[in-house]
Every structure is written in structure tokens, then in C-alpha cells.
Amino acid sequence: MGTKREVVVGVDVSKDQLDVFVRDRHFVVANDPEGYEKLVRRLDKYTVRLVAMEATGGYEAGLAVALSERGVPLAIVNPRQVRYFARAKGALAKTDKIDARMLADFAVAMDIQPQVLPDAAQTYLRELVDRRRSVVWMLTDEKNRLAKTRHDKIRDRIVNSINNLEEELAELDRELDSTIKGSPIYEKKAKLMQSVPGVGPGTTGVLLAELPELGTTSHKSIAMLVGVAPLNRDSGTLRGKRTIYGGRRRVRAALYMATLSAIRHNPPLKAVYERLVAAGKAKKTALVAVMRKLLVTLNALLRKEEPWTLPA
């Protein structure tokens, strides 16, 4: 019996189906447990180096868990990067079949490595944080709607909705707190992060759920992951303006809110912000610099496992 061929597989994920590309072959299975089993059986004839799929707003989660449980190496890649790659190859048309092939080609060309997926505890924490975020958004919408509504019956309905959402938010906060305290690792990390003035439970929950690399990598790498590292825009003798780009938007949003608090209550970070503004930097630019400083500080605390202290 011959040696199995090593392959990189591309899977284009949609709500109802999975388009799979492997060694010039394309096939479709359902995006459900039965489809996952069919996919694994089809791949069994190969040595799978990697299954590459895009982040699709959660539709990829079931497949990712199923493959991970079966020990199949996989990576969830950035859709924007794959789209740029496809355009560079001249693949201007867009179909599910083409997308699956581009995912496989992209993974090979960029030497994408398998990812370690979050375990069940982190997946639950991430879903808690995601639900909490949704409830906060709905609350904001309802309160804005209430301010514009004049009819008493409609106002009563909106007030009732607000009360229900506030009850759910309080319940989610309790569950989030108990989930973190129920894990010695999460609890230790949370205490270290919250030792920094400006970092509260909300920010801590987001960082634990969506930035597991915090404390395990370099300052430059963590800044790139979040999207707060300034990127060059230079060409020839032209020196362009440094900008931030990409990264994890939800983490960056949580870090932004923490930074607004930190520049009021954290003396060293407040001093950095005021110094930059006094030097002529735009307030937004100064705020991003402080976000990066706060992130680097948290990264160092978790890596050293030491709480924050006010510098002498």
C-alpha cells in the first residue's frame, strides 16, 4: 500500500454548506455534524497538513471544533488577506468553488501553520462576552429609541424591554464573574490585569476570551495582533504617515474604553497622553499610543506574573 499524499485543503464555509477543495477536486457537504463526518471520511485517504477556512461570523465554528476533536490540523484565516491574494493571482470571479481553491492556494503560498483552538472553557467565555456585547448594544438602541418616542403605550413597551435587558446584563455579569473565578488560570490573569488602574471586569473578560496570546508573545507581536502597531507607508524618498491597520477589532474596542479610563485614573499613562498632546500630536494619535502602552504593560504583567505597581 502506497504512502498517503500530503495535502492542504481549502474549505469555503457558508451557513448551510461547505465547499471543499483538495488536490484539484471539489465537493460539497452540509454544514452540520453529518457533513463533518462525510468530510473527514473523504480526507482519510490523504495525509492532511492543514485545512484552511475563513472566519465567517461563526458559521465555521462547528466544523473547526469537529476537525479539532478528530486531530485534523486547521487554521482560520483572514478573509481580506485571502481576497487580496486571489486578486493578485488574477482570480477576479468569486464563487464558492473558486473561494475554496484560493483558500488552499493561500495556505500553501503563505505557509500557514495549524492553530490551537480554544478549549471548551474559553469557547464558553467567548460566547458569554459576545452575548454581553450584544445585550449592551441592544440596551443602547432601546434607550436611544425611548428618548425619541412620544406615545405612552410604545414608551411602556420600550421601558419593559430595557428592564428585561438590564436584568439579562446583570445575570451575564454574574455568570462572567463566576466563570472567571471558577478557573484558577483565568482568575489569576484577571487579578493581574485589574491591578492596572483603568482596566475593569469588562475589558478583562474580552481580553481573556479573545486574546489568549496575551502574556505569551513579544510586545511587538501582541501589538500587531490587536492592530495598534503603527505601520509604515514609505516609498522611495516619501515618508508617509504611520497608521494602524487590521487586528482584532473587538479587542481594540475594549482596549480603547479601558484607555479612556486610564488617562484619567492611571498617572503614568495619563502623563504619556498629556506629553504627546503637548508635543503637538493629535488626540486620537496620542490615545492610540497609550492603548499600545497599556497593552504592552498588560502583556508584561502576565508574562512575569507580577501585579502592576506605581513606578517609583
C-alpha atoms as a PDB file:
ATOM      1  CA  MET A   1       0.000   0.000   0.000  1.00  0.00           C
ATOM      2  CA  GLY A   2       1.432   3.393  -1.038  1.00  0.00           C
ATOM      3  CA  THR A   3       2.139   6.340   1.195  1.00  0.00           C
ATOM      4  CA  LYS A   4      -0.735   8.769   1.596  1.00  0.00           C
ATOM      5  CA  ARG A   5      -0.288  12.047  -0.258  1.00  0.00           C
ATOM      6  CA  GLU A   6       0.130  15.172   1.875  1.00  0.00           C
ATOM      7  CA  VAL A   7      -2.442  17.830   1.079  1.00  0.00           C
ATOM      8  CA  VAL A   8      -3.595  21.269   2.086  1.00  0.00           C
ATOM      9  CA  VAL A   9      -7.380  21.563   1.970  1.00  0.00           C
ATOM     10  CA  GLY A  10      -9.440  24.705   1.386  1.00  0.00           C
ATOM     11  CA  VAL A  11     -12.988  24.890   2.776  1.00  0.00           C
ATOM     12  CA  ASP A  12     -15.342  27.726   1.883  1.00  0.00           C
ATOM     13  CA  VAL A  13     -17.920  27.934   4.661  1.00  0.00           C
ATOM     14  CA  SER A  14     -21.482  29.167   4.290  1.00  0.00           C
ATOM     15  CA  LYS A  15     -24.483  28.819   6.563  1.00  0.00           C
ATOM     16  CA  ASP A  16     -25.757  25.588   5.010  1.00  0.00           C
ATOM     17  CA  GLN A  17     -22.858  24.005   3.131  1.00  0.00           C
ATOM     18  CA  LEU A  18     -19.115  23.502   2.919  1.00  0.00           C
ATOM     19  CA  ASP A  19     -17.335  23.735  -0.445  1.00  0.00           C
ATOM     20  CA  VAL A  20     -14.155  21.674  -0.209  1.00  0.00           C
ATOM     21  CA  PHE A  21     -11.128  21.792  -2.492  1.00  0.00           C
ATOM     22  CA  VAL A  22      -8.409  19.143  -2.253  1.00  0.00           C
ATOM     23  CA  ARG A  23      -5.881  18.185  -4.960  1.00  0.00           C
ATOM     24  CA  ASP A  24      -7.854  19.632  -7.896  1.00  0.00           C
ATOM     25  CA  ARG A  25     -11.065  18.051  -6.664  1.00  0.00           C
ATOM     26  CA  HIS A  26     -14.112  19.938  -5.461  1.00  0.00           C
ATOM     27  CA  PHE A  27     -17.020  18.530  -3.500  1.00  0.00           C
ATOM     28  CA  VAL A  28     -19.793  19.836  -1.258  1.00  0.00           C
ATOM     29  CA  VAL A  29     -21.072  18.606   2.114  1.00  0.00           C
ATOM     30  CA  ALA A  30     -23.612  20.030   4.515  1.00  0.00           C
ATOM     31  CA  ASN A  31     -22.500  22.373   7.272  1.00  0.00           C
ATOM     32  CA  ASP A  32     -23.748  20.071  10.026  1.00  0.00           C
ATOM     33  CA  PRO A  33     -22.406  17.099  12.045  1.00  0.00           C
ATOM     34  CA  GLU A  34     -23.304  14.616   9.311  1.00  0.00           C
ATOM     35  CA  GLY A  35     -21.449  16.742   6.767  1.00  0.00           C
ATOM     36  CA  TYR A  36     -18.394  16.928   9.029  1.00  0.00           C
ATOM     37  CA  GLU A  37     -18.303  13.126   9.207  1.00  0.00           C
ATOM     38  CA  LYS A  38     -18.502  12.854   5.413  1.00  0.00           C
ATOM     39  CA  LEU A  39     -15.686  15.379   5.051  1.00  0.00           C
ATOM     40  CA  VAL A  40     -13.420  13.541   7.491  1.00  0.00           C
ATOM     41  CA  ARG A  41     -14.057  10.241   5.687  1.00  0.00           C
ATOM     42  CA  ARG A  42     -13.195  11.837   2.325  1.00  0.00           C
ATOM     43  CA  LEU A  43      -9.965  13.245   3.765  1.00  0.00           C
ATOM     44  CA  ASP A  44      -8.937   9.963   5.353  1.00  0.00           C
ATOM     45  CA  LYS A  45      -7.222   8.855   2.132  1.00  0.00           C
ATOM     46  CA  TYR A  46      -4.746  11.755   2.489  1.00  0.00           C
ATOM     47  CA  THR A  47      -2.199  12.981   4.980  1.00  0.00           C
ATOM     48  CA  VAL A  48      -3.733  16.359   5.768  1.00  0.00           C
ATOM     49  CA  ARG A  49      -1.132  19.008   6.560  1.00  0.00           C
ATOM     50  CA  LEU A  50      -3.760  21.704   7.006  1.00  0.00           C
ATOM     51  CA  VAL A  51      -7.421  22.530   6.482  1.00  0.00           C
ATOM     52  CA  ALA A  52      -7.783  26.265   5.796  1.00  0.00           C
ATOM     53  CA  MET A  53     -11.086  28.097   6.231  1.00  0.00           C
ATOM     54  CA  GLU A  54     -12.127  31.715   6.590  1.00  0.00           C
ATOM     55  CA  ALA A  55     -13.691  33.366   9.608  1.00  0.00           C
ATOM     56  CA  THR A  56     -17.355  33.684   8.598  1.00  0.00           C
ATOM     57  CA  GLY A  57     -19.089  35.182  11.591  1.00  0.00           C
ATOM     58  CA  GLY A  58     -19.361  31.901  13.473  1.00  0.00           C
ATOM     59  CA  TYR A  59     -20.568  29.549  10.714  1.00  0.00           C
ATOM     60  CA  GLU A  60     -17.104  27.959  10.737  1.00  0.00           C
ATOM     61  CA  ALA A  61     -17.208  27.132  14.464  1.00  0.00           C
ATOM     62  CA  GLY A  62     -18.912  23.737  14.198  1.00  0.00           C
ATOM     63  CA  LEU A  63     -16.503  22.464  11.563  1.00  0.00           C
ATOM     64  CA  ALA A  64     -13.496  23.830  13.438  1.00  0.00           C
ATOM     65  CA  VAL A  65     -14.488  22.022  16.637  1.00  0.00           C
ATOM     66  CA  ALA A  66     -15.260  18.790  14.767  1.00  0.00           C
ATOM     67  CA  LEU A  67     -11.890  18.770  12.991  1.00  0.00           C
ATOM     68  CA  SER A  68     -10.018  19.707  16.152  1.00  0.00           C
ATOM     69  CA  GLU A  69     -11.653  16.872  18.102  1.00  0.00           C
ATOM     70  CA  ARG A  70     -10.508  14.449  15.402  1.00  0.00           C
ATOM     71  CA  GLY A  71      -6.947  15.758  15.419  1.00  0.00           C
ATOM     72  CA  VAL A  72      -7.131  17.310  11.942  1.00  0.00           C
ATOM     73  CA  PRO A  73      -4.779  20.346  11.727  1.00  0.00           C
ATOM     74  CA  LEU A  74      -6.613  23.518  10.758  1.00  0.00           C
ATOM     75  CA  ALA A  75      -6.317  27.287  10.552  1.00  0.00           C
ATOM     76  CA  ILE A  76      -8.951  30.011  10.402  1.00  0.00           C
ATOM     77  CA  VAL A  77      -7.570  32.743   8.155  1.00  0.00           C
ATOM     78  CA  ASN A  78      -8.375  36.400   7.490  1.00  0.00           C
ATOM     79  CA  PRO A  79     -10.912  36.711   4.609  1.00  0.00           C
ATOM     80  CA  ARG A  80      -9.473  40.052   3.488  1.00  0.00           C
ATOM     81  CA  GLN A  81      -5.999  38.599   3.059  1.00  0.00           C
ATOM     82  CA  VAL A  82      -7.365  35.702   1.014  1.00  0.00           C
ATOM     83  CA  ARG A  83      -9.330  38.107  -1.202  1.00  0.00           C
ATOM     84  CA  TYR A  84      -6.211  40.206  -1.887  1.00  0.00           C
ATOM     85  CA  PHE A  85      -4.294  37.001  -2.655  1.00  0.00           C
ATOM     86  CA  ALA A  86      -6.971  35.881  -5.124  1.00  0.00           C
ATOM     87  CA  ARG A  87      -6.888  39.235  -6.913  1.00  0.00           C
ATOM     88  CA  ALA A  88      -3.103  39.066  -7.118  1.00  0.00           C
ATOM     89  CA  LYS A  89      -3.467  35.686  -8.846  1.00  0.00           C
ATOM     90  CA  GLY A  90      -5.968  37.159 -11.288  1.00  0.00           C
ATOM     91  CA  ALA A  91      -8.942  35.272  -9.865  1.00  0.00           C
ATOM     92  CA  LEU A  92     -11.457  38.095 -10.186  1.00  0.00           C
ATOM     93  CA  ALA A  93     -14.540  35.882 -10.325  1.00  0.00           C
ATOM     94  CA  LYS A  94     -15.963  34.815  -6.977  1.00  0.00           C
ATOM     95  CA  THR A  95     -17.778  31.521  -6.442  1.00  0.00           C
ATOM     96  CA  ASP A  96     -17.756  29.090  -3.542  1.00  0.00           C
ATOM     97  CA  LYS A  97     -15.671  26.658  -5.607  1.00  0.00           C
ATOM     98  CA  ILE A  98     -13.114  29.327  -6.504  1.00  0.00           C
ATOM     99  CA  ASP A  99     -13.006  30.547  -2.901  1.00  0.00           C
ATOM    100  CA  ALA A 100     -12.236  27.030  -1.642  1.00  0.00           C
ATOM    101  CA  ARG A 101      -9.363  26.686  -4.109  1.00  0.00           C
ATOM    102  CA  MET A 102      -7.987  30.125  -3.229  1.00  0.00           C
ATOM    103  CA  LEU A 103      -8.015  29.178   0.460  1.00  0.00           C
ATOM    104  CA  ALA A 104      -5.895  26.099  -0.251  1.00  0.00           C
ATOM    105  CA  ASP A 105      -3.513  28.053  -2.518  1.00  0.00           C
ATOM    106  CA  PHE A 106      -3.237  30.874   0.025  1.00  0.00           C
ATOM    107  CA  ALA A 107      -2.375  28.467   2.843  1.00  0.00           C
ATOM    108  CA  VAL A 108       0.366  26.874   0.743  1.00  0.00           C
ATOM    109  CA  ALA A 109       1.827  30.144  -0.557  1.00  0.00           C
ATOM    110  CA  MET A 110       1.846  31.812   2.882  1.00  0.00           C
ATOM    111  CA  ASP A 111       2.937  28.640   4.724  1.00  0.00           C
ATOM    112  CA  ILE A 112       0.017  28.955   7.143  1.00  0.00           C
ATOM    113  CA  GLN A 113       0.555  26.872  10.273  1.00  0.00           C
ATOM    114  CA  PRO A 114      -2.097  24.974  12.260  1.00  0.00           C
ATOM    115  CA  GLN A 115      -3.778  26.825  15.105  1.00  0.00           C
ATOM    116  CA  VAL A 116      -4.543  25.678  18.611  1.00  0.00           C
ATOM    117  CA  LEU A 117      -8.276  26.197  19.045  1.00  0.00           C
ATOM    118  CA  PRO A 118      -9.777  27.427  22.299  1.00  0.00           C
ATOM    119  CA  ASP A 119     -10.878  24.715  24.685  1.00  0.00           C
ATOM    120  CA  ALA A 120     -14.467  24.346  25.892  1.00  0.00           C
ATOM    121  CA  ALA A 121     -13.930  26.763  28.804  1.00  0.00           C
ATOM    122  CA  GLN A 122     -12.567  29.511  26.578  1.00  0.00           C
ATOM    123  CA  THR A 123     -15.250  28.925  23.963  1.00  0.00           C
ATOM    124  CA  TYR A 124     -17.924  29.380  26.630  1.00  0.00           C
ATOM    125  CA  LEU A 125     -16.198  32.506  27.957  1.00  0.00           C
ATOM    126  CA  ARG A 126     -16.025  33.931  24.434  1.00  0.00           C
ATOM    127  CA  GLU A 127     -19.731  33.291  23.863  1.00  0.00           C
ATOM    128  CA  LEU A 128     -20.574  34.910  27.213  1.00  0.00           C
ATOM    129  CA  VAL A 129     -18.570  38.001  26.258  1.00  0.00           C
ATOM    130  CA  ASP A 130     -20.180  38.059  22.815  1.00  0.00           C
ATOM    131  CA  ARG A 131     -23.680  37.819  24.293  1.00  0.00           C
ATOM    132  CA  ARG A 132     -22.900  40.548  26.811  1.00  0.00           C
ATOM    133  CA  ARG A 133     -21.719  42.805  23.981  1.00  0.00           C
ATOM    134  CA  SER A 134     -24.950  42.194  22.066  1.00  0.00           C
ATOM    135  CA  VAL A 135     -27.085  42.994  25.106  1.00  0.00           C
ATOM    136  CA  VAL A 136     -25.183  46.242  25.686  1.00  0.00           C
ATOM    137  CA  TRP A 137     -25.781  47.240  22.055  1.00  0.00           C
ATOM    138  CA  MET A 138     -29.495  46.411  22.328  1.00  0.00           C
ATOM    139  CA  LEU A 139     -29.753  48.404  25.541  1.00  0.00           C
ATOM    140  CA  THR A 140     -28.144  51.407  23.887  1.00  0.00           C
ATOM    141  CA  ASP A 141     -30.537  51.151  20.930  1.00  0.00           C
ATOM    142  CA  GLU A 142     -33.586  50.883  23.187  1.00  0.00           C
ATOM    143  CA  LYS A 143     -32.543  53.842  25.338  1.00  0.00           C
ATOM    144  CA  ASN A 144     -31.974  55.953  22.224  1.00  0.00           C
ATOM    145  CA  ARG A 145     -35.356  54.847  20.915  1.00  0.00           C
ATOM    146  CA  LEU A 146     -37.030  55.748  24.210  1.00  0.00           C
ATOM    147  CA  ALA A 147     -35.665  59.278  24.027  1.00  0.00           C
ATOM    148  CA  LYS A 148     -37.347  59.768  20.634  1.00  0.00           C
ATOM    149  CA  THR A 149     -40.687  58.100  21.398  1.00  0.00           C
ATOM    150  CA  ARG A 150     -43.669  60.203  22.463  1.00  0.00           C
ATOM    151  CA  HIS A 151     -46.588  57.741  22.572  1.00  0.00           C
ATOM    152  CA  ASP A 152     -47.090  56.367  26.105  1.00  0.00           C
ATOM    153  CA  LYS A 153     -48.006  52.828  25.061  1.00  0.00           C
ATOM    154  CA  ILE A 154     -44.895  52.497  22.919  1.00  0.00           C
ATOM    155  CA  ARG A 155     -42.773  54.034  25.666  1.00  0.00           C
ATOM    156  CA  ASP A 156     -44.127  51.436  28.113  1.00  0.00           C
ATOM    157  CA  ARG A 157     -43.090  48.642  25.764  1.00  0.00           C
ATOM    158  CA  ILE A 158     -39.605  50.088  25.380  1.00  0.00           C
ATOM    159  CA  VAL A 159     -39.231  50.567  29.150  1.00  0.00           C
ATOM    160  CA  ASN A 160     -40.227  46.929  29.666  1.00  0.00           C
ATOM    161  CA  SER A 161     -37.656  45.855  27.080  1.00  0.00           C
ATOM    162  CA  ILE A 162     -34.975  47.951  28.784  1.00  0.00           C
ATOM    163  CA  ASN A 163     -35.779  46.394  32.171  1.00  0.00           C
ATOM    164  CA  ASN A 164     -35.512  42.874  30.714  1.00  0.00           C
ATOM    165  CA  LEU A 165     -32.219  43.656  29.013  1.00  0.00           C
ATOM    166  CA  GLU A 166     -30.788  45.188  32.187  1.00  0.00           C
ATOM    167  CA  GLU A 167     -31.758  42.047  34.112  1.00  0.00           C
ATOM    168  CA  GLU A 168     -30.067  39.882  31.497  1.00  0.00           C
ATOM    169  CA  LEU A 169     -26.965  42.081  31.563  1.00  0.00           C
ATOM    170  CA  ALA A 170     -26.713  41.744  35.334  1.00  0.00           C
ATOM    171  CA  GLU A 171     -27.119  37.965  35.032  1.00  0.00           C
ATOM    172  CA  LEU A 172     -24.442  37.804  32.336  1.00  0.00           C
ATOM    173  CA  ASP A 173     -22.068  39.842  34.509  1.00  0.00           C
ATOM    174  CA  ARG A 174     -22.602  37.421  37.394  1.00  0.00           C
ATOM    175  CA  GLU A 175     -22.027  34.435  35.121  1.00  0.00           C
ATOM    176  CA  LEU A 176     -18.921  36.020  33.619  1.00  0.00           C
ATOM    177  CA  ASP A 177     -17.536  36.706  37.088  1.00  0.00           C
ATOM    178  CA  SER A 178     -18.247  33.169  38.302  1.00  0.00           C
ATOM    179  CA  THR A 179     -16.740  31.647  35.143  1.00  0.00           C
ATOM    180  CA  ILE A 180     -13.506  33.581  35.608  1.00  0.00           C
ATOM    181  CA  LYS A 181     -13.346  32.815  39.329  1.00  0.00           C
ATOM    182  CA  GLY A 182     -14.081  29.163  38.596  1.00  0.00           C
ATOM    183  CA  SER A 183     -10.824  28.851  36.664  1.00  0.00           C
ATOM    184  CA  PRO A 184      -7.571  29.326  38.626  1.00  0.00           C
ATOM    185  CA  ILE A 185      -5.806  30.391  35.429  1.00  0.00           C
ATOM    186  CA  TYR A 186      -8.460  32.937  34.422  1.00  0.00           C
ATOM    187  CA  GLU A 187      -8.766  34.270  37.973  1.00  0.00           C
ATOM    188  CA  LYS A 188      -5.026  34.814  38.282  1.00  0.00           C
ATOM    189  CA  LYS A 189      -4.835  36.597  34.935  1.00  0.00           C
ATOM    190  CA  ALA A 190      -7.874  38.724  35.775  1.00  0.00           C
ATOM    191  CA  LYS A 191      -6.355  39.881  39.063  1.00  0.00           C
ATOM    192  CA  LEU A 192      -3.101  40.794  37.349  1.00  0.00           C
ATOM    193  CA  MET A 193      -4.867  42.789  34.636  1.00  0.00           C
ATOM    194  CA  GLN A 194      -7.216  44.554  37.034  1.00  0.00           C
ATOM    195  CA  SER A 195      -4.264  45.670  39.137  1.00  0.00           C
ATOM    196  CA  VAL A 196      -3.757  48.292  36.403  1.00  0.00           C
ATOM    197  CA  PRO A 197      -5.913  51.404  37.023  1.00  0.00           C
ATOM    198  CA  GLY A 198      -8.374  51.745  34.171  1.00  0.00           C
ATOM    199  CA  VAL A 199      -8.772  48.020  33.452  1.00  0.00           C
ATOM    200  CA  GLY A 200     -12.089  46.711  34.729  1.00  0.00           C
ATOM    201  CA  PRO A 201     -14.029  43.427  34.548  1.00  0.00           C
ATOM    202  CA  GLY A 202     -15.487  44.191  31.104  1.00  0.00           C
ATOM    203  CA  THR A 203     -12.089  44.692  29.496  1.00  0.00           C
ATOM    204  CA  THR A 204     -10.682  41.715  31.372  1.00  0.00           C
ATOM    205  CA  GLY A 205     -13.422  39.435  30.062  1.00  0.00           C
ATOM    206  CA  VAL A 206     -12.800  40.470  26.455  1.00  0.00           C
ATOM    207  CA  LEU A 207      -9.026  40.036  26.747  1.00  0.00           C
ATOM    208  CA  LEU A 208      -9.340  36.609  28.358  1.00  0.00           C
ATOM    209  CA  ALA A 209     -11.856  35.443  25.769  1.00  0.00           C
ATOM    210  CA  GLU A 210     -10.428  36.929  22.598  1.00  0.00           C
ATOM    211  CA  LEU A 211      -6.705  37.480  23.193  1.00  0.00           C
ATOM    212  CA  PRO A 212      -5.350  34.238  24.700  1.00  0.00           C
ATOM    213  CA  GLU A 213      -1.885  35.136  23.336  1.00  0.00           C
ATOM    214  CA  LEU A 214      -1.584  37.944  25.908  1.00  0.00           C
ATOM    215  CA  GLY A 215       1.439  37.255  28.107  1.00  0.00           C
ATOM    216  CA  THR A 216       2.861  34.593  25.802  1.00  0.00           C
ATOM    217  CA  THR A 217       4.423  36.630  22.998  1.00  0.00           C
ATOM    218  CA  SER A 218       6.560  39.712  22.373  1.00  0.00           C
ATOM    219  CA  HIS A 219       5.336  43.283  22.761  1.00  0.00           C
ATOM    220  CA  LYS A 220       5.612  43.847  19.005  1.00  0.00           C
ATOM    221  CA  SER A 221       3.670  40.684  18.174  1.00  0.00           C
ATOM    222  CA  ILE A 222       0.841  41.422  20.608  1.00  0.00           C
ATOM    223  CA  ALA A 223       0.516  44.963  19.238  1.00  0.00           C
ATOM    224  CA  MET A 224       0.299  43.571  15.696  1.00  0.00           C
ATOM    225  CA  LEU A 225      -2.318  41.001  16.733  1.00  0.00           C
ATOM    226  CA  VAL A 226      -4.565  43.681  18.207  1.00  0.00           C
ATOM    227  CA  GLY A 227      -3.881  46.194  15.438  1.00  0.00           C
ATOM    228  CA  VAL A 228      -2.298  49.014  17.448  1.00  0.00           C
ATOM    229  CA  ALA A 229       1.207  48.774  15.962  1.00  0.00           C
ATOM    230  CA  PRO A 230       1.996  51.725  13.637  1.00  0.00           C
ATOM    231  CA  LEU A 231       2.637  50.549  10.079  1.00  0.00           C
ATOM    232  CA  ASN A 232       4.981  52.336   7.667  1.00  0.00           C
ATOM    233  CA  ARG A 233       3.685  53.936   4.472  1.00  0.00           C
ATOM    234  CA  ASP A 234       7.010  54.745   2.758  1.00  0.00           C
ATOM    235  CA  SER A 235       8.010  54.672  -0.890  1.00  0.00           C
ATOM    236  CA  GLY A 236      11.307  55.951  -2.262  1.00  0.00           C
ATOM    237  CA  THR A 237      12.041  59.276  -0.616  1.00  0.00           C
ATOM    238  CA  LEU A 238       8.426  59.674   0.501  1.00  0.00           C
ATOM    239  CA  ARG A 239       7.799  59.086   4.191  1.00  0.00           C
ATOM    240  CA  GLY A 240       4.117  58.533   4.713  1.00  0.00           C
ATOM    241  CA  LYS A 241       2.043  58.841   7.839  1.00  0.00           C
ATOM    242  CA  ARG A 242       2.217  55.837  10.184  1.00  0.00           C
ATOM    243  CA  THR A 243      -1.176  54.222  10.673  1.00  0.00           C
ATOM    244  CA  ILE A 244      -2.709  51.267  12.466  1.00  0.00           C
ATOM    245  CA  TYR A 245      -4.492  48.630  10.426  1.00  0.00           C
ATOM    246  CA  GLY A 246      -6.218  45.274  10.819  1.00  0.00           C
ATOM    247  CA  GLY A 247      -6.057  43.309  14.050  1.00  0.00           C
ATOM    248  CA  ARG A 248      -8.801  42.190  16.386  1.00  0.00           C
ATOM    249  CA  ARG A 249     -11.455  44.867  16.305  1.00  0.00           C
ATOM    250  CA  ARG A 250     -13.346  43.718  19.400  1.00  0.00           C
ATOM    251  CA  VAL A 251     -10.191  43.591  21.488  1.00  0.00           C
ATOM    252  CA  ARG A 252      -9.209  47.019  20.221  1.00  0.00           C
ATOM    253  CA  ALA A 253     -12.637  48.417  21.139  1.00  0.00           C
ATOM    254  CA  ALA A 254     -12.347  47.088  24.706  1.00  0.00           C
ATOM    255  CA  LEU A 255      -8.804  48.419  24.977  1.00  0.00           C
ATOM    256  CA  TYR A 256      -9.985  51.821  23.756  1.00  0.00           C
ATOM    257  CA  MET A 257     -12.574  52.083  26.548  1.00  0.00           C
ATOM    258  CA  ALA A 258     -10.006  50.997  29.136  1.00  0.00           C
ATOM    259  CA  THR A 259      -7.581  53.619  27.830  1.00  0.00           C
ATOM    260  CA  LEU A 260     -10.168  56.395  28.195  1.00  0.00           C
ATOM    261  CA  SER A 261     -10.424  55.419  31.861  1.00  0.00           C
ATOM    262  CA  ALA A 262      -6.658  55.005  32.244  1.00  0.00           C
ATOM    263  CA  ILE A 263      -5.801  58.523  31.056  1.00  0.00           C
ATOM    264  CA  ARG A 264      -7.977  59.799  33.915  1.00  0.00           C
ATOM    265  CA  HIS A 265      -7.024  57.378  36.697  1.00  0.00           C
ATOM    266  CA  ASN A 266      -3.597  55.945  35.816  1.00  0.00           C
ATOM    267  CA  PRO A 267      -0.895  58.591  36.474  1.00  0.00           C
ATOM    268  CA  PRO A 268       1.876  57.124  34.235  1.00  0.00           C
ATOM    269  CA  LEU A 269      -0.460  56.621  31.278  1.00  0.00           C
ATOM    270  CA  LYS A 270      -2.078  59.999  31.840  1.00  0.00           C
ATOM    271  CA  ALA A 271       1.401  61.556  31.733  1.00  0.00           C
ATOM    272  CA  VAL A 272       2.202  59.792  28.441  1.00  0.00           C
ATOM    273  CA  TYR A 273      -1.030  61.055  26.891  1.00  0.00           C
ATOM    274  CA  GLU A 274      -0.547  64.639  28.075  1.00  0.00           C
ATOM    275  CA  ARG A 275       3.080  64.683  26.931  1.00  0.00           C
ATOM    276  CA  LEU A 276       2.150  63.557  23.432  1.00  0.00           C
ATOM    277  CA  VAL A 277      -0.667  66.086  23.134  1.00  0.00           C
ATOM    278  CA  ALA A 278       1.627  68.848  24.409  1.00  0.00           C
ATOM    279  CA  ALA A 279       4.156  67.843  21.745  1.00  0.00           C
ATOM    280  CA  GLY A 280       1.577  68.505  19.050  1.00  0.00           C
ATOM    281  CA  LYS A 281       0.232  65.008  18.446  1.00  0.00           C
ATOM    282  CA  ALA A 282      -3.429  64.722  17.549  1.00  0.00           C
ATOM    283  CA  LYS A 283      -5.524  63.476  20.460  1.00  0.00           C
ATOM    284  CA  LYS A 284      -6.537  60.370  18.523  1.00  0.00           C
ATOM    285  CA  THR A 285      -2.891  59.583  17.751  1.00  0.00           C
ATOM    286  CA  ALA A 286      -1.944  60.093  21.397  1.00  0.00           C
ATOM    287  CA  LEU A 287      -4.798  57.855  22.506  1.00  0.00           C
ATOM    288  CA  VAL A 288      -3.671  55.032  20.208  1.00  0.00           C
ATOM    289  CA  ALA A 289      -0.138  55.363  21.573  1.00  0.00           C
ATOM    290  CA  VAL A 290      -1.487  54.989  25.111  1.00  0.00           C
ATOM    291  CA  MET A 291      -3.589  51.991  24.021  1.00  0.00           C
ATOM    292  CA  ARG A 292      -0.410  50.365  22.787  1.00  0.00           C
ATOM    293  CA  LYS A 293       1.396  51.254  26.025  1.00  0.00           C
ATOM    294  CA  LEU A 294      -1.436  49.772  28.101  1.00  0.00           C
ATOM    295  CA  LEU A 295      -1.462  46.587  26.012  1.00  0.00           C
ATOM    296  CA  VAL A 296       2.308  46.191  26.331  1.00  0.00           C
ATOM    297  CA  THR A 297       2.018  46.723  30.087  1.00  0.00           C
ATOM    298  CA  LEU A 298      -0.632  44.008  30.405  1.00  0.00           C
ATOM    299  CA  ASN A 299       1.442  41.663  28.257  1.00  0.00           C
ATOM    300  CA  ALA A 300       4.448  42.163  30.547  1.00  0.00           C
ATOM    301  CA  LEU A 301       2.410  41.652  33.724  1.00  0.00           C
ATOM    302  CA  LEU A 302       1.004  38.334  32.554  1.00  0.00           C
ATOM    303  CA  ARG A 303       4.350  37.136  31.270  1.00  0.00           C
ATOM    304  CA  LYS A 304       6.129  37.985  34.530  1.00  0.00           C
ATOM    305  CA  GLU A 305       3.093  37.045  36.658  1.00  0.00           C
ATOM    306  CA  GLU A 306       3.529  40.216  38.684  1.00  0.00           C
ATOM    307  CA  PRO A 307       0.841  42.816  39.532  1.00  0.00           C
ATOM    308  CA  TRP A 308       1.102  46.413  38.421  1.00  0.00           C
ATOM    309  CA  THR A 309       2.805  48.861  40.769  1.00  0.00           C
ATOM    310  CA  LEU A 310       3.130  52.624  40.508  1.00  0.00           C
ATOM    311  CA  PRO A 311       6.634  53.382  39.153  1.00  0.00           C
ATOM    312  CA  ALA A 312       8.940  54.995  41.694  1.00  0.00           C
END
